[in-house]
Amino acid sequence: MTSKKIIERLQQLDWYVECKTEHELALVLNACLDADVGWSNRVSAISLKYSIPVPTLIGRSSRRWSNGLWFSNTLADEDLKHYSDITDWFFEELRK
């Protein structure tokens, strides 16, 4: 079960988590599922798990498609400056 602290953060906007392995990707997507945060088309977060290549970034934005999740392995540093990198925080919180 995902902590309330993680759920509250994932429900906010303009963040991303770097997923280096399929296991990390699954952890992020499952937490998004628990937080009721899905893709821009309102599809469940976990639904695309097997079609997302790793390493990848998973994020949520106020700038893209109705505040849904996005993923990318090609975002430039210029694009990332608009988001908070919560990678370390996210995985540390999961360990608690």
N, C-alpha and C. Protein backbone atom coordinates (compact mmCIF):
# COMPACT_ATOMS: atom_id res chain seq x y z
N MET A 1 0.83 -1.18 0.00
CA MET A 1 0.00 0.00 0.00
C MET A 1 0.88 1.25 0.00
N THR A 2 0.49 2.21 -0.79
CA THR A 2 1.24 3.44 -0.93
C THR A 2 0.87 4.41 0.19
N SER A 3 1.88 5.05 0.76
CA SER A 3 1.64 5.97 1.88
C SER A 3 0.84 7.20 1.43
N LYS A 4 0.17 7.80 2.39
CA LYS A 4 -0.61 9.01 2.13
C LYS A 4 0.29 10.13 1.62
N LYS A 5 1.49 10.20 2.14
CA LYS A 5 2.45 11.24 1.74
C LYS A 5 2.80 11.12 0.25
N ILE A 6 3.03 9.90 -0.20
CA ILE A 6 3.34 9.68 -1.62
C ILE A 6 2.12 9.99 -2.48
N ILE A 7 0.96 9.51 -2.06
CA ILE A 7 -0.27 9.75 -2.83
C ILE A 7 -0.51 11.24 -2.99
N GLU A 8 -0.37 12.00 -1.92
CA GLU A 8 -0.58 13.44 -1.99
C GLU A 8 0.39 14.11 -2.96
N ARG A 9 1.64 13.66 -2.98
CA ARG A 9 2.63 14.27 -3.89
C ARG A 9 2.33 13.91 -5.33
N LEU A 10 1.95 12.67 -5.59
CA LEU A 10 1.66 12.26 -6.96
C LEU A 10 0.42 12.94 -7.52
N GLN A 11 -0.47 13.37 -6.67
CA GLN A 11 -1.67 14.06 -7.12
C GLN A 11 -1.39 15.52 -7.49
N GLN A 12 -0.23 16.01 -7.11
CA GLN A 12 0.18 17.35 -7.52
C GLN A 12 0.69 17.30 -8.96
N LEU A 13 1.04 18.45 -9.48
CA LEU A 13 1.49 18.55 -10.87
C LEU A 13 2.98 18.91 -10.94
N ASP A 14 3.51 18.76 -12.15
CA ASP A 14 4.86 19.20 -12.50
C ASP A 14 5.96 18.47 -11.74
N TRP A 15 5.94 17.15 -11.82
CA TRP A 15 6.95 16.30 -11.22
C TRP A 15 7.32 15.20 -12.21
N TYR A 16 8.47 14.58 -11.96
CA TYR A 16 8.81 13.37 -12.71
C TYR A 16 9.67 12.47 -11.83
N VAL A 17 9.65 11.18 -12.18
CA VAL A 17 10.47 10.17 -11.54
C VAL A 17 11.22 9.44 -12.63
N GLU A 18 12.52 9.27 -12.44
CA GLU A 18 13.34 8.53 -13.39
C GLU A 18 13.29 7.05 -13.02
N CYS A 19 12.88 6.23 -13.97
CA CYS A 19 12.79 4.78 -13.77
C CYS A 19 13.87 4.11 -14.62
N LYS A 20 14.82 3.48 -13.95
CA LYS A 20 15.93 2.84 -14.65
C LYS A 20 15.67 1.37 -14.94
N THR A 21 14.73 0.77 -14.22
CA THR A 21 14.44 -0.66 -14.39
C THR A 21 12.93 -0.85 -14.51
N GLU A 22 12.54 -2.02 -14.99
CA GLU A 22 11.12 -2.35 -15.06
C GLU A 22 10.50 -2.40 -13.67
N HIS A 23 11.27 -2.82 -12.68
CA HIS A 23 10.77 -2.87 -11.30
C HIS A 23 10.46 -1.46 -10.80
N GLU A 24 11.36 -0.51 -11.03
CA GLU A 24 11.11 0.88 -10.62
C GLU A 24 9.88 1.44 -11.34
N LEU A 25 9.76 1.14 -12.62
CA LEU A 25 8.60 1.58 -13.39
C LEU A 25 7.32 1.04 -12.78
N ALA A 26 7.31 -0.23 -12.43
CA ALA A 26 6.13 -0.84 -11.82
C ALA A 26 5.80 -0.18 -10.48
N LEU A 27 6.80 0.14 -9.69
CA LEU A 27 6.56 0.80 -8.40
C LEU A 27 5.90 2.17 -8.60
N VAL A 28 6.39 2.93 -9.56
CA VAL A 28 5.83 4.25 -9.82
C VAL A 28 4.40 4.13 -10.33
N LEU A 29 4.18 3.26 -11.30
CA LEU A 29 2.85 3.12 -11.87
C LEU A 29 1.84 2.58 -10.85
N ASN A 30 2.26 1.67 -10.01
CA ASN A 30 1.35 1.17 -8.97
C ASN A 30 1.01 2.27 -7.97
N ALA A 31 1.98 3.11 -7.63
CA ALA A 31 1.72 4.23 -6.73
C ALA A 31 0.75 5.22 -7.39
N CYS A 32 0.91 5.45 -8.68
CA CYS A 32 -0.01 6.33 -9.40
C CYS A 32 -1.41 5.74 -9.42
N LEU A 33 -1.49 4.44 -9.55
CA LEU A 33 -2.79 3.77 -9.50
C LEU A 33 -3.45 3.99 -8.14
N ASP A 34 -2.67 3.82 -7.07
CA ASP A 34 -3.19 4.06 -5.71
C ASP A 34 -3.61 5.52 -5.52
N ALA A 35 -2.91 6.43 -6.19
CA ALA A 35 -3.21 7.87 -6.07
C ALA A 35 -4.31 8.31 -7.02
N ASP A 36 -4.83 7.37 -7.81
CA ASP A 36 -5.87 7.67 -8.79
C ASP A 36 -5.40 8.70 -9.81
N VAL A 37 -4.14 8.58 -10.21
CA VAL A 37 -3.54 9.43 -11.23
C VAL A 37 -3.32 8.57 -12.46
N GLY A 38 -3.95 8.94 -13.56
CA GLY A 38 -3.86 8.14 -14.78
C GLY A 38 -3.30 8.93 -15.94
N TRP A 39 -3.36 8.32 -17.09
CA TRP A 39 -2.89 8.96 -18.32
C TRP A 39 -3.87 10.05 -18.73
N SER A 40 -3.50 10.88 -19.66
CA SER A 40 -4.33 12.01 -20.05
C SER A 40 -5.69 11.58 -20.58
N ASN A 41 -5.80 10.38 -21.10
CA ASN A 41 -7.08 9.88 -21.61
C ASN A 41 -7.87 9.17 -20.52
N ARG A 42 -7.45 9.35 -19.27
CA ARG A 42 -8.11 8.80 -18.07
C ARG A 42 -7.97 7.29 -17.93
N VAL A 43 -7.09 6.71 -18.72
CA VAL A 43 -6.82 5.28 -18.61
C VAL A 43 -5.93 5.05 -17.40
N SER A 44 -6.11 3.93 -16.74
CA SER A 44 -5.36 3.57 -15.54
C SER A 44 -3.86 3.68 -15.76
N ALA A 45 -3.15 4.10 -14.73
CA ALA A 45 -1.70 4.29 -14.81
C ALA A 45 -0.98 3.01 -15.22
N ILE A 46 -1.41 1.89 -14.71
CA ILE A 46 -0.71 0.63 -14.93
C ILE A 46 -0.95 0.06 -16.33
N SER A 47 -1.95 0.56 -17.05
CA SER A 47 -2.37 -0.03 -18.32
C SER A 47 -1.28 -0.08 -19.39
N LEU A 48 -0.34 0.83 -19.38
CA LEU A 48 0.70 0.86 -20.43
C LEU A 48 2.03 0.29 -19.97
N LYS A 49 2.04 -0.35 -18.82
CA LYS A 49 3.30 -0.81 -18.21
C LYS A 49 4.20 -1.56 -19.20
N TYR A 50 3.64 -2.45 -19.98
CA TYR A 50 4.46 -3.30 -20.85
C TYR A 50 4.85 -2.63 -22.16
N SER A 51 4.32 -1.46 -22.42
CA SER A 51 4.69 -0.77 -23.65
C SER A 51 5.60 0.44 -23.41
N ILE A 52 6.01 0.64 -22.16
CA ILE A 52 6.91 1.75 -21.84
C ILE A 52 8.33 1.22 -21.73
N PRO A 53 9.22 1.70 -22.60
CA PRO A 53 10.61 1.24 -22.53
C PRO A 53 11.35 1.87 -21.36
N VAL A 54 12.24 1.11 -20.77
CA VAL A 54 13.08 1.65 -19.70
C VAL A 54 14.52 1.73 -20.21
N PRO A 55 15.29 2.68 -19.75
CA PRO A 55 14.97 3.72 -18.77
C PRO A 55 14.00 4.74 -19.36
N THR A 56 13.22 5.34 -18.48
CA THR A 56 12.24 6.34 -18.89
C THR A 56 11.95 7.30 -17.74
N LEU A 57 11.33 8.39 -18.08
CA LEU A 57 10.83 9.33 -17.09
C LEU A 57 9.31 9.22 -17.10
N ILE A 58 8.73 9.17 -15.92
CA ILE A 58 7.27 9.20 -15.77
C ILE A 58 6.97 10.48 -15.01
N GLY A 59 6.02 11.25 -15.49
CA GLY A 59 5.72 12.49 -14.82
C GLY A 59 4.28 12.92 -14.98
N ARG A 60 3.98 14.03 -14.33
CA ARG A 60 2.66 14.63 -14.42
C ARG A 60 2.87 16.13 -14.59
N SER A 61 2.12 16.73 -15.49
CA SER A 61 2.40 18.10 -15.87
C SER A 61 1.15 18.96 -15.94
N SER A 62 1.31 20.21 -15.63
CA SER A 62 0.24 21.18 -15.85
C SER A 62 0.32 21.71 -17.29
N ARG A 63 1.37 21.37 -18.00
CA ARG A 63 1.58 21.88 -19.35
C ARG A 63 1.14 20.92 -20.44
N ARG A 64 0.80 19.71 -20.10
CA ARG A 64 0.48 18.71 -21.12
C ARG A 64 -0.91 18.14 -20.91
N TRP A 65 -1.54 17.83 -21.95
CA TRP A 65 -2.76 17.03 -22.07
C TRP A 65 -3.53 16.76 -20.78
N SER A 66 -4.19 17.73 -20.31
CA SER A 66 -5.15 17.62 -19.20
C SER A 66 -4.61 16.98 -17.93
N ASN A 67 -3.42 17.32 -17.55
CA ASN A 67 -2.85 16.93 -16.26
C ASN A 67 -2.65 15.43 -16.07
N GLY A 68 -2.64 14.68 -17.14
CA GLY A 68 -2.41 13.24 -17.02
C GLY A 68 -0.93 12.91 -16.97
N LEU A 69 -0.66 11.65 -16.78
CA LEU A 69 0.73 11.17 -16.77
C LEU A 69 1.33 11.24 -18.17
N TRP A 70 2.63 11.34 -18.22
CA TRP A 70 3.38 11.26 -19.47
C TRP A 70 4.62 10.42 -19.22
N PHE A 71 5.19 9.89 -20.29
CA PHE A 71 6.48 9.22 -20.18
C PHE A 71 7.34 9.60 -21.37
N SER A 72 8.64 9.61 -21.15
CA SER A 72 9.58 9.95 -22.21
C SER A 72 10.97 9.52 -21.82
N ASN A 73 11.75 9.14 -22.80
CA ASN A 73 13.17 8.89 -22.57
C ASN A 73 14.01 9.86 -23.39
N THR A 74 13.36 10.90 -23.91
CA THR A 74 14.07 11.82 -24.78
C THR A 74 13.91 13.29 -24.40
N LEU A 75 13.41 13.60 -23.22
CA LEU A 75 13.25 15.00 -22.85
C LEU A 75 14.60 15.68 -22.65
N ALA A 76 14.72 16.86 -23.17
CA ALA A 76 15.94 17.63 -23.02
C ALA A 76 15.96 18.31 -21.65
N ASP A 77 17.15 18.67 -21.21
CA ASP A 77 17.29 19.38 -19.93
C ASP A 77 16.43 20.64 -19.91
N GLU A 78 16.30 21.28 -21.03
CA GLU A 78 15.48 22.49 -21.13
C GLU A 78 14.03 22.18 -20.79
N ASP A 79 13.52 21.05 -21.24
CA ASP A 79 12.14 20.65 -20.93
C ASP A 79 11.99 20.26 -19.46
N LEU A 80 13.00 19.61 -18.91
CA LEU A 80 12.92 19.11 -17.54
C LEU A 80 12.96 20.22 -16.49
N LYS A 81 13.44 21.39 -16.86
CA LYS A 81 13.54 22.47 -15.88
C LYS A 81 12.17 22.93 -15.37
N HIS A 82 11.11 22.55 -16.06
CA HIS A 82 9.76 22.91 -15.64
C HIS A 82 9.18 21.96 -14.60
N TYR A 83 9.92 20.89 -14.28
CA TYR A 83 9.41 19.85 -13.39
C TYR A 83 10.33 19.65 -12.19
N SER A 84 9.74 19.16 -11.10
CA SER A 84 10.54 18.78 -9.94
C SER A 84 10.92 17.31 -10.08
N ASP A 85 12.19 17.03 -9.93
CA ASP A 85 12.66 15.65 -9.95
C ASP A 85 12.43 15.07 -8.55
N ILE A 86 11.45 14.18 -8.44
CA ILE A 86 11.13 13.59 -7.13
C ILE A 86 11.64 12.15 -7.04
N THR A 87 12.54 11.77 -7.90
CA THR A 87 13.03 10.40 -7.96
C THR A 87 13.57 9.92 -6.62
N ASP A 88 14.58 10.60 -6.09
CA ASP A 88 15.19 10.16 -4.83
C ASP A 88 14.17 10.16 -3.69
N TRP A 89 13.38 11.23 -3.61
CA TRP A 89 12.37 11.33 -2.57
C TRP A 89 11.37 10.17 -2.66
N PHE A 90 10.89 9.89 -3.87
CA PHE A 90 9.90 8.84 -4.07
C PHE A 90 10.41 7.48 -3.58
N PHE A 91 11.59 7.08 -4.03
CA PHE A 91 12.10 5.76 -3.65
C PHE A 91 12.50 5.69 -2.18
N GLU A 92 12.93 6.81 -1.60
CA GLU A 92 13.20 6.84 -0.16
C GLU A 92 11.90 6.68 0.64
N GLU A 93 10.85 7.34 0.21
CA GLU A 93 9.57 7.23 0.90
C GLU A 93 9.02 5.81 0.83
N LEU A 94 9.24 5.14 -0.28
CA LEU A 94 8.78 3.75 -0.41
C LEU A 94 9.49 2.84 0.58
N ARG A 95 10.72 3.15 0.89
CA ARG A 95 11.51 2.31 1.80
C ARG A 95 11.07 2.47 3.26
N LYS A 96 10.37 3.54 3.57
CA LYS A 96 9.98 3.81 4.97
C LYS A 96 8.89 2.85 5.43
